[in-house]
Amino acid sequence: MNFAIGDAETPQPEPAPQPVTVALPNACDSPKAVAATTVGNAEKKAVSPFFNLLVLGILAGCYIALAGALSTVVTNDLALYVGDGLSRLVGGLVFSLGLILVVIGGAELFTGNTLMVTAWLEGKISGRQLA
């Protein structure tokens, strides 16, 4: 392509990292079907770009940190007014918002990736992809 002076291709912005969409097993599925769904999800995660996983992992850490800080703020001196048991219940409910954000946002936590071993054991992904 020939360009005249002053003609330049406008740089395209980098696309935002997309979460890896995974299929959720049905509660009534057989164990074999749940295992097949888990292996399929692991195969999708194994081929996703490293940068996407890095950004989604950092995002998950931010969600959990935000929930921990919010739980601390909410339960500060709450036990003096409502009792220790209710204070701990409220703290647990507030902290669980972080996990809800992780699930809804599609962020990557270590615990969600531990089942990738099933795909490795079945030979669907390599050891390098597992790491």
N, C-alpha and C. Protein backbone atom coordinates (compact mmCIF):
# COMPACT_ATOMS: atom_id res chain seq x y z
N MET A 1 0.83 -1.18 0.00
CA MET A 1 0.00 0.00 0.00
C MET A 1 0.87 1.24 0.00
N ASN A 2 0.56 2.18 -0.84
CA ASN A 2 1.30 3.44 -0.87
C ASN A 2 0.48 4.50 -0.17
N PHE A 3 1.16 5.24 0.66
CA PHE A 3 0.50 6.32 1.38
C PHE A 3 1.14 7.64 1.02
N ALA A 4 0.34 8.65 0.87
CA ALA A 4 0.86 9.99 0.66
C ALA A 4 1.25 10.58 2.00
N ILE A 5 2.01 11.66 1.95
CA ILE A 5 2.42 12.30 3.20
C ILE A 5 1.18 12.81 3.92
N GLY A 6 1.12 12.50 5.19
CA GLY A 6 -0.02 12.92 5.99
C GLY A 6 -1.08 11.84 6.11
N ASP A 7 -1.03 10.86 5.20
CA ASP A 7 -1.96 9.74 5.32
C ASP A 7 -1.35 8.70 6.24
N ALA A 8 -2.05 8.36 7.24
CA ALA A 8 -1.57 7.32 8.15
C ALA A 8 -2.77 6.51 8.60
N GLU A 9 -2.51 5.25 8.78
CA GLU A 9 -3.59 4.43 9.31
C GLU A 9 -3.84 4.82 10.75
N THR A 10 -5.09 4.98 11.07
CA THR A 10 -5.38 5.29 12.47
C THR A 10 -5.20 4.03 13.29
N PRO A 11 -4.45 4.13 14.38
CA PRO A 11 -4.23 2.93 15.20
C PRO A 11 -5.53 2.48 15.85
N GLN A 12 -5.73 1.20 15.81
CA GLN A 12 -6.93 0.62 16.41
C GLN A 12 -6.66 0.33 17.88
N PRO A 13 -7.60 0.65 18.75
CA PRO A 13 -7.38 0.36 20.18
C PRO A 13 -7.37 -1.14 20.42
N GLU A 14 -6.61 -1.54 21.44
CA GLU A 14 -6.56 -2.95 21.83
C GLU A 14 -7.93 -3.36 22.36
N PRO A 15 -8.41 -4.52 21.97
CA PRO A 15 -9.69 -4.97 22.52
C PRO A 15 -9.54 -5.30 24.00
N ALA A 16 -10.59 -5.02 24.75
CA ALA A 16 -10.57 -5.30 26.19
C ALA A 16 -10.55 -6.80 26.41
N PRO A 17 -9.85 -7.26 27.47
CA PRO A 17 -9.83 -8.70 27.73
C PRO A 17 -11.23 -9.20 28.06
N GLN A 18 -11.57 -10.31 27.46
CA GLN A 18 -12.89 -10.89 27.66
C GLN A 18 -12.79 -12.07 28.62
N PRO A 19 -13.74 -12.21 29.53
CA PRO A 19 -13.71 -13.37 30.42
C PRO A 19 -13.97 -14.65 29.64
N VAL A 20 -13.41 -15.72 30.14
CA VAL A 20 -13.63 -17.02 29.53
C VAL A 20 -15.03 -17.48 29.93
N THR A 21 -15.89 -17.68 28.94
CA THR A 21 -17.24 -18.14 29.26
C THR A 21 -17.21 -19.65 29.41
N VAL A 22 -17.76 -20.10 30.50
CA VAL A 22 -17.77 -21.53 30.79
C VAL A 22 -19.20 -21.99 30.97
N ALA A 23 -19.43 -23.24 30.66
CA ALA A 23 -20.75 -23.83 30.84
C ALA A 23 -20.88 -24.33 32.27
N LEU A 24 -22.00 -24.04 32.87
CA LEU A 24 -22.24 -24.51 34.23
C LEU A 24 -22.97 -25.84 34.17
N PRO A 25 -22.51 -26.80 34.95
CA PRO A 25 -23.21 -28.09 34.94
C PRO A 25 -24.57 -27.96 35.60
N ASN A 26 -25.52 -28.71 35.10
CA ASN A 26 -26.85 -28.75 35.68
C ASN A 26 -26.79 -29.57 36.97
N ALA A 27 -27.54 -29.18 37.97
CA ALA A 27 -27.52 -29.89 39.25
C ALA A 27 -28.04 -31.32 39.11
N CYS A 28 -28.80 -31.59 38.07
CA CYS A 28 -29.36 -32.93 37.88
C CYS A 28 -28.53 -33.77 36.92
N ASP A 29 -27.41 -33.25 36.44
CA ASP A 29 -26.57 -34.03 35.53
C ASP A 29 -25.90 -35.18 36.26
N SER A 30 -25.57 -36.19 35.51
CA SER A 30 -24.85 -37.33 36.08
C SER A 30 -23.40 -36.92 36.34
N PRO A 31 -22.71 -37.62 37.21
CA PRO A 31 -21.30 -37.28 37.46
C PRO A 31 -20.45 -37.31 36.19
N LYS A 32 -20.78 -38.21 35.26
CA LYS A 32 -20.03 -38.28 34.01
C LYS A 32 -20.25 -37.01 33.18
N ALA A 33 -21.47 -36.49 33.16
CA ALA A 33 -21.77 -35.27 32.42
C ALA A 33 -21.10 -34.06 33.06
N VAL A 34 -21.08 -34.02 34.38
CA VAL A 34 -20.41 -32.91 35.08
C VAL A 34 -18.91 -32.95 34.79
N ALA A 35 -18.32 -34.14 34.78
CA ALA A 35 -16.89 -34.26 34.47
C ALA A 35 -16.61 -33.83 33.04
N ALA A 36 -17.49 -34.17 32.11
CA ALA A 36 -17.31 -33.76 30.71
C ALA A 36 -17.40 -32.24 30.57
N THR A 37 -18.32 -31.61 31.30
CA THR A 37 -18.42 -30.16 31.28
C THR A 37 -17.17 -29.52 31.86
N THR A 38 -16.64 -30.10 32.93
CA THR A 38 -15.43 -29.58 33.56
C THR A 38 -14.24 -29.68 32.61
N VAL A 39 -14.12 -30.78 31.91
CA VAL A 39 -13.03 -30.95 30.95
C VAL A 39 -13.17 -29.95 29.81
N GLY A 40 -14.38 -29.74 29.32
CA GLY A 40 -14.60 -28.75 28.26
C GLY A 40 -14.24 -27.34 28.70
N ASN A 41 -14.60 -26.99 29.92
CA ASN A 41 -14.25 -25.67 30.45
C ASN A 41 -12.74 -25.52 30.58
N ALA A 42 -12.07 -26.58 31.01
CA ALA A 42 -10.61 -26.54 31.16
C ALA A 42 -9.93 -26.37 29.81
N GLU A 43 -10.47 -26.99 28.78
CA GLU A 43 -9.90 -26.84 27.44
C GLU A 43 -10.01 -25.39 26.96
N LYS A 44 -11.14 -24.74 27.25
CA LYS A 44 -11.31 -23.33 26.87
C LYS A 44 -10.32 -22.44 27.61
N LYS A 45 -10.15 -22.69 28.91
CA LYS A 45 -9.23 -21.87 29.70
C LYS A 45 -7.79 -22.09 29.28
N ALA A 46 -7.46 -23.31 28.84
CA ALA A 46 -6.08 -23.63 28.48
C ALA A 46 -5.61 -22.88 27.24
N VAL A 47 -6.52 -22.54 26.35
CA VAL A 47 -6.13 -21.86 25.12
C VAL A 47 -6.36 -20.35 25.19
N SER A 48 -6.84 -19.85 26.30
CA SER A 48 -7.05 -18.40 26.42
C SER A 48 -5.71 -17.70 26.60
N PRO A 49 -5.56 -16.49 26.09
CA PRO A 49 -4.28 -15.77 26.16
C PRO A 49 -3.86 -15.49 27.60
N PHE A 50 -2.55 -15.48 27.81
CA PHE A 50 -2.00 -15.26 29.14
C PHE A 50 -2.39 -13.89 29.68
N PHE A 51 -2.36 -12.87 28.83
CA PHE A 51 -2.68 -11.52 29.29
C PHE A 51 -4.11 -11.45 29.82
N ASN A 52 -5.04 -12.12 29.15
CA ASN A 52 -6.43 -12.12 29.63
C ASN A 52 -6.52 -12.76 31.01
N LEU A 53 -5.84 -13.90 31.19
CA LEU A 53 -5.87 -14.57 32.49
C LEU A 53 -5.22 -13.72 33.57
N LEU A 54 -4.15 -13.01 33.20
CA LEU A 54 -3.48 -12.14 34.17
C LEU A 54 -4.40 -11.01 34.62
N VAL A 55 -5.04 -10.36 33.67
CA VAL A 55 -5.94 -9.25 34.01
C VAL A 55 -7.13 -9.76 34.83
N LEU A 56 -7.69 -10.89 34.44
CA LEU A 56 -8.84 -11.43 35.17
C LEU A 56 -8.44 -11.93 36.56
N GLY A 57 -7.21 -12.40 36.72
CA GLY A 57 -6.71 -12.79 38.04
C GLY A 57 -6.53 -11.59 38.95
N ILE A 58 -5.97 -10.52 38.40
CA ILE A 58 -5.81 -9.29 39.18
C ILE A 58 -7.17 -8.73 39.56
N LEU A 59 -8.10 -8.78 38.64
CA LEU A 59 -9.46 -8.30 38.91
C LEU A 59 -10.11 -9.11 40.03
N ALA A 60 -9.91 -10.41 40.03
CA ALA A 60 -10.46 -11.25 41.10
C ALA A 60 -9.87 -10.86 42.44
N GLY A 61 -8.56 -10.62 42.47
CA GLY A 61 -7.93 -10.18 43.71
C GLY A 61 -8.48 -8.85 44.20
N CYS A 62 -8.75 -7.95 43.28
CA CYS A 62 -9.33 -6.65 43.65
C CYS A 62 -10.74 -6.83 44.21
N TYR A 63 -11.53 -7.71 43.60
CA TYR A 63 -12.88 -7.97 44.11
C TYR A 63 -12.83 -8.52 45.53
N ILE A 64 -11.95 -9.48 45.77
CA ILE A 64 -11.86 -10.09 47.10
C ILE A 64 -11.34 -9.07 48.11
N ALA A 65 -10.36 -8.27 47.72
CA ALA A 65 -9.82 -7.25 48.63
C ALA A 65 -10.88 -6.20 48.97
N LEU A 66 -11.66 -5.80 47.97
CA LEU A 66 -12.73 -4.84 48.21
C LEU A 66 -13.77 -5.42 49.17
N ALA A 67 -14.11 -6.68 48.98
CA ALA A 67 -15.09 -7.32 49.87
C ALA A 67 -14.54 -7.45 51.29
N GLY A 68 -13.27 -7.77 51.42
CA GLY A 68 -12.66 -7.87 52.75
C GLY A 68 -12.64 -6.54 53.46
N ALA A 69 -12.28 -5.48 52.73
CA ALA A 69 -12.26 -4.15 53.33
C ALA A 69 -13.67 -3.70 53.71
N LEU A 70 -14.63 -3.96 52.84
CA LEU A 70 -16.01 -3.58 53.13
C LEU A 70 -16.55 -4.35 54.32
N SER A 71 -16.20 -5.62 54.42
CA SER A 71 -16.63 -6.43 55.56
C SER A 71 -16.04 -5.89 56.86
N THR A 72 -14.79 -5.48 56.82
CA THR A 72 -14.15 -4.91 58.01
C THR A 72 -14.82 -3.60 58.42
N VAL A 73 -15.13 -2.76 57.45
CA VAL A 73 -15.78 -1.48 57.75
C VAL A 73 -17.17 -1.70 58.32
N VAL A 74 -17.92 -2.61 57.75
CA VAL A 74 -19.30 -2.84 58.18
C VAL A 74 -19.34 -3.43 59.58
N THR A 75 -18.44 -4.36 59.89
CA THR A 75 -18.50 -5.04 61.18
C THR A 75 -17.72 -4.33 62.28
N ASN A 76 -17.09 -3.21 61.97
CA ASN A 76 -16.35 -2.46 62.99
C ASN A 76 -17.31 -1.98 64.08
N ASP A 77 -17.13 -2.46 65.30
CA ASP A 77 -17.95 -2.11 66.46
C ASP A 77 -19.42 -2.52 66.33
N LEU A 78 -19.76 -3.31 65.33
CA LEU A 78 -21.14 -3.75 65.18
C LEU A 78 -21.54 -4.71 66.30
N ALA A 79 -20.59 -5.47 66.81
CA ALA A 79 -20.89 -6.44 67.87
C ALA A 79 -21.35 -5.75 69.15
N LEU A 80 -20.96 -4.51 69.37
CA LEU A 80 -21.40 -3.77 70.55
C LEU A 80 -22.90 -3.49 70.51
N TYR A 81 -23.46 -3.41 69.31
CA TYR A 81 -24.86 -3.03 69.17
C TYR A 81 -25.79 -4.21 68.91
N VAL A 82 -25.32 -5.20 68.15
CA VAL A 82 -26.22 -6.29 67.77
C VAL A 82 -25.76 -7.64 68.27
N GLY A 83 -24.63 -7.72 68.89
CA GLY A 83 -24.12 -9.00 69.39
C GLY A 83 -23.08 -9.59 68.45
N ASP A 84 -22.30 -10.50 69.01
CA ASP A 84 -21.19 -11.07 68.26
C ASP A 84 -21.66 -11.97 67.12
N GLY A 85 -22.67 -12.77 67.36
CA GLY A 85 -23.14 -13.71 66.33
C GLY A 85 -23.69 -13.01 65.11
N LEU A 86 -24.55 -12.03 65.31
CA LEU A 86 -25.13 -11.30 64.19
C LEU A 86 -24.07 -10.48 63.47
N SER A 87 -23.11 -9.97 64.22
CA SER A 87 -22.02 -9.21 63.61
C SER A 87 -21.21 -10.09 62.66
N ARG A 88 -20.93 -11.32 63.07
CA ARG A 88 -20.19 -12.24 62.20
C ARG A 88 -21.02 -12.64 60.98
N LEU A 89 -22.31 -12.80 61.17
CA LEU A 89 -23.18 -13.14 60.05
C LEU A 89 -23.19 -12.02 59.01
N VAL A 90 -23.32 -10.79 59.47
CA VAL A 90 -23.32 -9.65 58.56
C VAL A 90 -21.97 -9.55 57.84
N GLY A 91 -20.88 -9.76 58.58
CA GLY A 91 -19.55 -9.73 57.96
C GLY A 91 -19.40 -10.79 56.87
N GLY A 92 -19.91 -11.98 57.14
CA GLY A 92 -19.85 -13.04 56.13
C GLY A 92 -20.69 -12.75 54.92
N LEU A 93 -21.86 -12.16 55.13
CA LEU A 93 -22.72 -11.81 54.00
C LEU A 93 -22.09 -10.73 53.14
N VAL A 94 -21.48 -9.74 53.79
CA VAL A 94 -20.84 -8.66 53.04
C VAL A 94 -19.63 -9.20 52.28
N PHE A 95 -18.84 -10.07 52.91
CA PHE A 95 -17.66 -10.62 52.23
C PHE A 95 -18.04 -11.48 51.03
N SER A 96 -19.18 -12.15 51.13
CA SER A 96 -19.58 -13.00 50.00
C SER A 96 -19.91 -12.19 48.75
N LEU A 97 -20.11 -10.89 48.89
CA LEU A 97 -20.31 -10.04 47.72
C LEU A 97 -19.09 -10.08 46.80
N GLY A 98 -17.90 -10.22 47.38
CA GLY A 98 -16.69 -10.33 46.57
C GLY A 98 -16.70 -11.58 45.70
N LEU A 99 -17.14 -12.69 46.27
CA LEU A 99 -17.23 -13.92 45.48
C LEU A 99 -18.31 -13.81 44.41
N ILE A 100 -19.39 -13.12 44.74
CA ILE A 100 -20.44 -12.91 43.75
C ILE A 100 -19.91 -12.07 42.59
N LEU A 101 -19.12 -11.04 42.89
CA LEU A 101 -18.51 -10.22 41.84
C LEU A 101 -17.56 -11.04 40.98
N VAL A 102 -16.81 -11.95 41.59
CA VAL A 102 -15.89 -12.81 40.84
C VAL A 102 -16.67 -13.68 39.86
N VAL A 103 -17.76 -14.26 40.31
CA VAL A 103 -18.55 -15.14 39.44
C VAL A 103 -19.22 -14.35 38.32
N ILE A 104 -19.85 -13.23 38.67
CA ILE A 104 -20.56 -12.44 37.67
C ILE A 104 -19.58 -11.81 36.68
N GLY A 105 -18.45 -11.32 37.19
CA GLY A 105 -17.46 -10.68 36.32
C GLY A 105 -16.62 -11.65 35.52
N GLY A 106 -16.70 -12.94 35.82
CA GLY A 106 -15.91 -13.92 35.09
C GLY A 106 -14.43 -13.88 35.42
N ALA A 107 -14.09 -13.38 36.61
CA ALA A 107 -12.69 -13.28 37.00
C ALA A 107 -12.13 -14.65 37.33
N GLU A 108 -10.80 -14.75 37.39
CA GLU A 108 -10.12 -16.03 37.57
C GLU A 108 -9.51 -16.13 38.96
N LEU A 109 -10.03 -17.03 39.78
CA LEU A 109 -9.43 -17.37 41.06
C LEU A 109 -8.73 -18.71 40.95
N PHE A 110 -7.75 -18.94 41.81
CA PHE A 110 -7.03 -20.22 41.79
C PHE A 110 -7.98 -21.39 42.00
N THR A 111 -8.92 -21.23 42.89
CA THR A 111 -9.83 -22.35 43.20
C THR A 111 -10.66 -22.76 41.99
N GLY A 112 -10.94 -21.82 41.11
CA GLY A 112 -11.69 -22.16 39.91
C GLY A 112 -10.86 -22.88 38.86
N ASN A 113 -9.55 -22.79 38.98
CA ASN A 113 -8.67 -23.43 38.00
C ASN A 113 -8.12 -24.77 38.46
N THR A 114 -8.41 -25.18 39.68
CA THR A 114 -7.86 -26.44 40.17
C THR A 114 -8.44 -27.65 39.44
N LEU A 115 -9.62 -27.53 38.90
CA LEU A 115 -10.22 -28.66 38.19
C LEU A 115 -9.70 -28.81 36.76
N MET A 116 -8.76 -27.95 36.36
CA MET A 116 -8.14 -28.13 35.05
C MET A 116 -7.31 -29.40 35.00
N VAL A 117 -6.98 -29.94 36.16
CA VAL A 117 -6.22 -31.20 36.22
C VAL A 117 -7.01 -32.33 35.57
N THR A 118 -8.33 -32.27 35.62
CA THR A 118 -9.14 -33.33 35.01
C THR A 118 -8.91 -33.41 33.50
N ALA A 119 -8.78 -32.26 32.85
CA ALA A 119 -8.51 -32.26 31.40
C ALA A 119 -7.11 -32.77 31.12
N TRP A 120 -6.16 -32.48 31.99
CA TRP A 120 -4.79 -32.98 31.83
C TRP A 120 -4.76 -34.49 32.00
N LEU A 121 -5.50 -34.99 32.98
CA LEU A 121 -5.52 -36.43 33.21
C LEU A 121 -6.17 -37.19 32.04
N GLU A 122 -7.10 -36.55 31.36
CA GLU A 122 -7.74 -37.17 30.20
C GLU A 122 -6.95 -36.94 28.92
N GLY A 123 -5.85 -36.19 28.99
CA GLY A 123 -5.01 -35.96 27.82
C GLY A 123 -5.53 -34.89 26.89
N LYS A 124 -6.48 -34.08 27.33
CA LYS A 124 -7.04 -33.03 26.47
C LYS A 124 -6.16 -31.79 26.42
N ILE A 125 -5.39 -31.53 27.48
CA ILE A 125 -4.46 -30.41 27.50
C ILE A 125 -3.10 -30.92 27.94
N SER A 126 -2.07 -30.17 27.58
CA SER A 126 -0.71 -30.59 27.93
C SER A 126 -0.35 -30.07 29.32
N GLY A 127 0.75 -30.58 29.83
CA GLY A 127 1.23 -30.11 31.13
C GLY A 127 1.63 -28.66 31.08
N ARG A 128 2.15 -28.21 29.93
CA ARG A 128 2.52 -26.80 29.78
C ARG A 128 1.28 -25.90 29.83
N GLN A 129 0.20 -26.35 29.21
CA GLN A 129 -1.04 -25.57 29.26
C GLN A 129 -1.63 -25.56 30.66
N LEU A 130 -1.39 -26.63 31.40
CA LEU A 130 -1.89 -26.70 32.77
C LEU A 130 -1.17 -25.71 33.66
N ALA A 131 0.11 -25.52 33.42
CA ALA A 131 0.90 -24.59 34.23
C ALA A 131 0.54 -23.21 33.82
